[in-house]
Protein backbone atom coordinates (compact mmCIF):
# COMPACT_ATOMS: atom_id res chain seq x y z
CA MET A 1 -8.30 -4.20 -1.35
CA GLU A 2 -11.82 -3.20 -0.31
CA ARG A 3 -12.41 -1.55 -3.57
CA ALA A 4 -11.24 -4.77 -5.44
CA ARG A 5 -13.72 -6.66 -3.22
CA ASP A 6 -16.59 -4.28 -3.81
CA ALA A 7 -15.88 -4.27 -7.61
CA ALA A 8 -16.17 -8.06 -7.59
CA ALA A 9 -19.42 -7.63 -5.68
CA LEU A 10 -18.27 -9.99 -3.06
CA THR A 11 -19.08 -9.92 0.60
CA GLN A 12 -16.27 -10.33 3.26
CA ASP A 13 -17.80 -13.91 3.98
CA GLU A 14 -17.67 -14.86 0.12
CA VAL A 15 -14.04 -13.74 0.08
CA CYS A 16 -13.07 -15.85 3.07
CA ASP A 17 -14.88 -18.76 1.57
CA ARG A 18 -12.99 -18.43 -1.74
CA LEU A 19 -9.74 -18.01 0.01
CA TYR A 20 -10.21 -21.28 1.88
CA ALA A 21 -10.89 -22.99 -1.48
CA ILE A 22 -7.65 -21.55 -2.93
CA THR A 23 -5.34 -21.99 0.27
CA GLY A 24 -6.96 -24.30 2.57
CA GLY A 25 -6.45 -21.84 5.35
CA GLY A 26 -9.00 -20.11 7.49
CA THR A 27 -9.62 -16.48 7.19
CA THR A 28 -12.20 -14.58 9.22
CA PRO A 29 -14.13 -11.55 7.91
CA SER A 30 -12.64 -9.53 10.97
CA LEU A 31 -9.13 -10.52 9.64
CA LEU A 32 -10.08 -9.58 6.08
CA SER A 33 -11.23 -6.27 7.37
CA ALA A 34 -7.97 -5.83 9.14
CA TRP A 35 -6.18 -6.56 5.88
CA GLU A 36 -8.40 -4.00 3.89
CA THR A 37 -7.70 -1.21 6.31
CA GLY A 38 -4.11 -1.84 6.65
CA ARG A 39 -4.28 -2.75 10.34
CA GLU A 40 -2.72 -6.15 9.64
CA ARG A 41 -0.37 -7.23 7.02
CA THR A 42 -1.41 -10.00 4.61
CA GLY A 43 0.89 -13.01 4.42
CA LYS A 44 2.48 -14.27 1.19
CA ARG A 45 0.11 -17.12 0.59
CA ASN A 46 -2.94 -15.02 1.09
CA ARG A 47 -1.52 -12.21 -1.19
CA ARG A 48 -1.08 -14.70 -3.88
CA ALA A 49 -4.51 -16.02 -3.43
CA LEU A 50 -6.09 -12.58 -3.17
CA SER A 51 -4.26 -11.50 -6.32
CA GLN A 52 -5.53 -14.54 -8.11
CA LEU A 53 -9.18 -14.05 -6.86
CA PHE A 54 -9.33 -10.31 -7.73
CA GLY A 55 -7.12 -10.48 -10.99
CA ILE A 56 -5.02 -7.66 -9.47
CA ASP A 57 -1.22 -7.84 -9.01
CA ALA A 58 -0.01 -7.86 -5.60
CA VAL A 59 1.90 -4.45 -5.71
CA THR A 60 -1.36 -2.75 -6.57
CA LEU A 61 -3.63 -4.72 -4.28
CA PHE A 62 -1.46 -4.39 -1.20
CA ALA A 63 -0.01 -0.83 -1.77
CA HIS A 64 -1.94 0.36 1.33
CA GLN A 65 -0.02 -2.08 3.55
CA ASP A 66 3.34 -1.57 1.93
CA ARG A 67 3.20 2.27 1.95
CA ASP A 68 5.56 2.70 4.80
CA GLU A 69 8.13 0.12 3.53
CA ALA A 70 8.05 1.58 0.05
CA ALA A 71 8.28 5.19 1.21
CA THR A 72 11.95 5.31 1.62
CA ALA A 73 14.99 3.48 0.13
CA PRO A 74 18.84 3.62 0.45
CA ASP A 75 20.33 5.92 -2.20
CA ALA A 76 21.95 3.88 -4.80
CA SER A 77 24.72 6.31 -5.36
CA GLY A 78 26.46 5.08 -2.17
CA SER A 79 26.24 8.46 -0.46
CA GLY A 80 24.59 7.08 2.51
CA GLY A 81 21.45 9.11 1.94
CA VAL A 82 17.81 7.87 1.78
CA ILE A 83 15.51 8.51 -1.20
CA GLN A 84 11.93 9.18 -0.12
CA LEU A 85 8.94 8.36 -2.18
CA ILE A 86 6.45 11.20 -2.01
CA THR A 87 2.85 10.16 -1.88
CA ARG A 88 1.03 13.12 -0.73
CA TYR A 89 0.31 16.41 -2.59
CA ASP A 90 1.18 18.50 0.60
CA ASP A 91 4.52 16.55 0.98
CA LEU A 92 5.36 17.16 -2.80
CA LEU A 93 4.60 20.86 -2.41
CA HIS A 94 6.88 21.06 0.78
CA ALA A 95 9.63 19.11 -1.04
CA MET A 96 9.51 21.55 -4.11
CA THR A 97 9.51 24.56 -1.79
CA GLN A 98 12.56 23.14 -0.09
CA VAL A 99 14.28 22.65 -3.53
CA ILE A 100 13.54 26.19 -4.65
CA THR A 101 14.59 27.95 -1.65
CA GLY A 102 17.43 25.72 -0.91
CA GLY A 103 15.77 24.67 2.32
CA ARG A 104 15.42 28.33 3.68
CA GLY A 105 11.60 28.34 4.01
CA SER A 106 8.95 29.63 1.68
CA PRO A 107 9.90 31.35 -1.43
CA ARG A 108 9.61 35.21 -1.53
CA TRP A 109 6.73 35.41 -3.98
CA TRP A 110 4.39 33.25 -1.55
């Protein structure tokens, strides 16, 4: 979200003023900073307003806040397992190694 604000060449104060114009609710620069860093989750009304303000869909704009929720999902096969979304290169490498070795550790050629 901070990148979107920077790309729009807006200060935190300006974003807060524009949010107030859209939602009628008060937002402070410190709260906006917490949303930008993911320390606080943005509510639905402000998500819609910020998406409108920056012209970016909410899924993209708030991915940094939703990462933990989106990281796992129940397996649709009904097996009771969990599907995990891998978002870091190191995690991908580890998962691929587990598939290749059948969970026995590093492949012999490493």
